[in-house]
Amino acid sequence: MPEGLNVELAHKLTEQEEEAEHRKHRWEEVAEVIEVLVLALAAIATAWSGFQASQWDDRGGLLYGQATTQRFAASAASTLGGQHSAGDGVCPPLHTRLPTSLR
């Protein structure tokens, strides 16, 4: 085999190896870009989820406060109604205590 042919063969093999290595590096770069995009989407989704949770927490707190106020008002009305009901048994109604001329 002539010596020049060996050199050419070595160059061809080296070029093929470099091309395969370049394709491999290119694929790794594409995979890294995809990984970064997926991680960025996960970070955005996590932040959005936290924001929505805080919005619902504020709304829930407001509604809880309103419900508590209404519950206290209902309890006070119930107590007052019970007091009036108990008082009716102890004291006769006002119209029975009036003189007959005013009835």
C-alpha atoms as a PDB file:
ATOM      1  CA  MET A   1       0.000   0.000   0.000  1.00  0.00           C
ATOM      2  CA  PRO A   2       1.422   3.345  -0.928  1.00  0.00           C
ATOM      3  CA  GLU A   3       2.115   5.644   1.957  1.00  0.00           C
ATOM      4  CA  GLY A   4      -0.081   8.450   0.588  1.00  0.00           C
ATOM      5  CA  LEU A   5      -3.084   6.141   0.588  1.00  0.00           C
ATOM      6  CA  ASN A   6      -2.614   5.431   4.294  1.00  0.00           C
ATOM      7  CA  VAL A   7      -2.577   9.138   5.041  1.00  0.00           C
ATOM      8  CA  GLU A   8      -5.730   9.678   2.990  1.00  0.00           C
ATOM      9  CA  LEU A   9      -7.454   6.785   4.721  1.00  0.00           C
ATOM     10  CA  ALA A  10      -6.496   8.194   8.136  1.00  0.00           C
ATOM     11  CA  HIS A  11      -7.872  11.621   7.166  1.00  0.00           C
ATOM     12  CA  LYS A  12     -11.152  10.102   5.965  1.00  0.00           C
ATOM     13  CA  LEU A  13     -11.589   8.132   9.196  1.00  0.00           C
ATOM     14  CA  THR A  14     -10.780  11.207  11.268  1.00  0.00           C
ATOM     15  CA  GLU A  15     -13.304  13.310   9.342  1.00  0.00           C
ATOM     16  CA  GLN A  16     -16.027  10.702   9.900  1.00  0.00           C
ATOM     17  CA  GLU A  17     -15.267  10.600  13.625  1.00  0.00           C
ATOM     18  CA  GLU A  18     -15.348  14.403  13.846  1.00  0.00           C
ATOM     19  CA  GLU A  19     -18.677  14.506  11.993  1.00  0.00           C
ATOM     20  CA  ALA A  20     -20.197  11.882  14.307  1.00  0.00           C
ATOM     21  CA  GLU A  21     -18.878  13.761  17.332  1.00  0.00           C
ATOM     22  CA  HIS A  22     -20.326  17.044  15.998  1.00  0.00           C
ATOM     23  CA  ARG A  23     -23.754  15.392  15.534  1.00  0.00           C
ATOM     24  CA  LYS A  24     -23.523  14.049  19.074  1.00  0.00           C
ATOM     25  CA  HIS A  25     -22.698  17.510  20.469  1.00  0.00           C
ATOM     26  CA  ARG A  26     -25.534  19.056  18.456  1.00  0.00           C
ATOM     27  CA  TRP A  27     -28.036  16.558  19.906  1.00  0.00           C
ATOM     28  CA  GLU A  28     -26.771  17.242  23.429  1.00  0.00           C
ATOM     29  CA  GLU A  29     -27.233  20.996  22.885  1.00  0.00           C
ATOM     30  CA  VAL A  30     -30.822  20.468  21.684  1.00  0.00           C
ATOM     31  CA  ALA A  31     -31.551  18.244  24.701  1.00  0.00           C
ATOM     32  CA  GLU A  32     -30.138  20.875  27.066  1.00  0.00           C
ATOM     33  CA  VAL A  33     -32.328  23.597  25.526  1.00  0.00           C
ATOM     34  CA  ILE A  34     -35.397  21.375  25.938  1.00  0.00           C
ATOM     35  CA  GLU A  35     -34.444  20.685  29.577  1.00  0.00           C
ATOM     36  CA  VAL A  36     -34.110  24.409  30.268  1.00  0.00           C
ATOM     37  CA  LEU A  37     -37.511  25.116  28.712  1.00  0.00           C
ATOM     38  CA  VAL A  38     -39.194  22.375  30.767  1.00  0.00           C
ATOM     39  CA  LEU A  39     -37.604  23.675  33.976  1.00  0.00           C
ATOM     40  CA  ALA A  40     -38.660  27.234  33.139  1.00  0.00           C
ATOM     41  CA  LEU A  41     -42.243  26.107  32.564  1.00  0.00           C
ATOM     42  CA  ALA A  42     -42.197  24.242  35.884  1.00  0.00           C
ATOM     43  CA  ALA A  43     -40.952  27.355  37.689  1.00  0.00           C
ATOM     44  CA  ILE A  44     -43.632  29.531  36.077  1.00  0.00           C
ATOM     45  CA  ALA A  45     -46.357  27.002  36.927  1.00  0.00           C
ATOM     46  CA  THR A  46     -45.165  26.853  40.540  1.00  0.00           C
ATOM     47  CA  ALA A  47     -45.191  30.636  40.855  1.00  0.00           C
ATOM     48  CA  TRP A  48     -48.662  30.857  39.303  1.00  0.00           C
ATOM     49  CA  SER A  49     -49.941  28.175  41.666  1.00  0.00           C
ATOM     50  CA  GLY A  50     -48.625  30.104  44.679  1.00  0.00           C
ATOM     51  CA  PHE A  51     -50.227  33.299  43.421  1.00  0.00           C
ATOM     52  CA  GLN A  52     -53.599  31.610  42.939  1.00  0.00           C
ATOM     53  CA  ALA A  53     -53.393  30.032  46.396  1.00  0.00           C
ATOM     54  CA  SER A  54     -52.791  33.433  47.969  1.00  0.00           C
ATOM     55  CA  GLN A  55     -55.762  34.880  46.084  1.00  0.00           C
ATOM     56  CA  TRP A  56     -58.048  32.119  47.332  1.00  0.00           C
ATOM     57  CA  ASP A  57     -56.634  32.466  50.840  1.00  0.00           C
ATOM     58  CA  ASP A  58     -57.490  36.184  50.918  1.00  0.00           C
ATOM     59  CA  ARG A  59     -60.985  35.550  49.556  1.00  0.00           C
ATOM     60  CA  GLY A  60     -61.557  32.698  52.018  1.00  0.00           C
ATOM     61  CA  GLY A  61     -60.457  34.862  54.933  1.00  0.00           C
ATOM     62  CA  LEU A  62     -62.837  37.620  53.914  1.00  0.00           C
ATOM     63  CA  LEU A  63     -65.769  35.223  53.580  1.00  0.00           C
ATOM     64  CA  TYR A  64     -64.887  33.568  56.896  1.00  0.00           C
ATOM     65  CA  GLY A  65     -64.981  36.965  58.606  1.00  0.00           C
ATOM     66  CA  GLN A  66     -68.369  37.765  57.068  1.00  0.00           C
ATOM     67  CA  ALA A  67     -69.749  34.375  58.100  1.00  0.00           C
ATOM     68  CA  THR A  68     -68.520  34.873  61.665  1.00  0.00           C
ATOM     69  CA  THR A  69     -70.202  38.286  61.852  1.00  0.00           C
ATOM     70  CA  GLN A  70     -73.470  36.841  60.594  1.00  0.00           C
ATOM     71  CA  ARG A  71     -73.218  33.904  62.993  1.00  0.00           C
ATOM     72  CA  PHE A  72     -72.780  36.274  65.957  1.00  0.00           C
ATOM     73  CA  ALA A  73     -75.761  38.355  64.788  1.00  0.00           C
ATOM     74  CA  ALA A  74     -77.893  35.204  64.480  1.00  0.00           C
ATOM     75  CA  SER A  75     -76.819  34.041  67.926  1.00  0.00           C
ATOM     76  CA  ALA A  76     -77.726  37.413  69.446  1.00  0.00           C
ATOM     77  CA  ALA A  77     -81.132  37.363  67.716  1.00  0.00           C
ATOM     78  CA  SER A  78     -81.731  33.827  68.952  1.00  0.00           C
ATOM     79  CA  THR A  79     -80.836  34.807  72.522  1.00  0.00           C
ATOM     80  CA  LEU A  80     -83.112  37.847  72.378  1.00  0.00           C
ATOM     81  CA  GLY A  81     -85.943  35.718  70.993  1.00  0.00           C
ATOM     82  CA  GLY A  82     -85.462  33.201  73.785  1.00  0.00           C
ATOM     83  CA  GLN A  83     -85.537  35.974  76.369  1.00  0.00           C
ATOM     84  CA  HIS A  84     -88.797  37.358  74.930  1.00  0.00           C
ATOM     85  CA  SER A  85     -90.292  33.876  74.874  1.00  0.00           C
ATOM     86  CA  ALA A  86     -89.318  33.236  78.493  1.00  0.00           C
ATOM     87  CA  GLY A  87     -90.642  36.640  79.496  1.00  0.00           C
ATOM     88  CA  ASP A  88     -94.054  35.876  77.996  1.00  0.00           C
ATOM     89  CA  GLY A  89     -94.509  33.035  80.445  1.00  0.00           C
ATOM     90  CA  VAL A  90     -93.526  35.138  83.462  1.00  0.00           C
ATOM     91  CA  CYS A  91     -95.293  38.395  82.642  1.00  0.00           C
ATOM     92  CA  PRO A  92     -98.728  38.440  81.090  1.00  0.00           C
ATOM     93  CA  PRO A  93     -99.024  40.293  77.799  1.00  0.00           C
ATOM     94  CA  LEU A  94     -99.416  44.060  77.980  1.00  0.00           C
ATOM     95  CA  HIS A  95    -102.995  44.094  76.670  1.00  0.00           C
ATOM     96  CA  THR A  96    -104.163  41.925  79.583  1.00  0.00           C
ATOM     97  CA  ARG A  97    -102.645  44.368  82.078  1.00  0.00           C
ATOM     98  CA  LEU A  98    -104.419  47.415  80.680  1.00  0.00           C
ATOM     99  CA  PRO A  99    -107.623  48.596  82.274  1.00  0.00           C
ATOM    100  CA  THR A 100    -110.688  47.404  80.402  1.00  0.00           C
ATOM    101  CA  SER A 101    -111.588  50.973  79.455  1.00  0.00           C
ATOM    102  CA  LEU A 102    -108.335  51.243  77.403  1.00  0.00           C
ATOM    103  CA  ARG A 103    -108.589  47.898  75.701  1.00  0.00           C
END
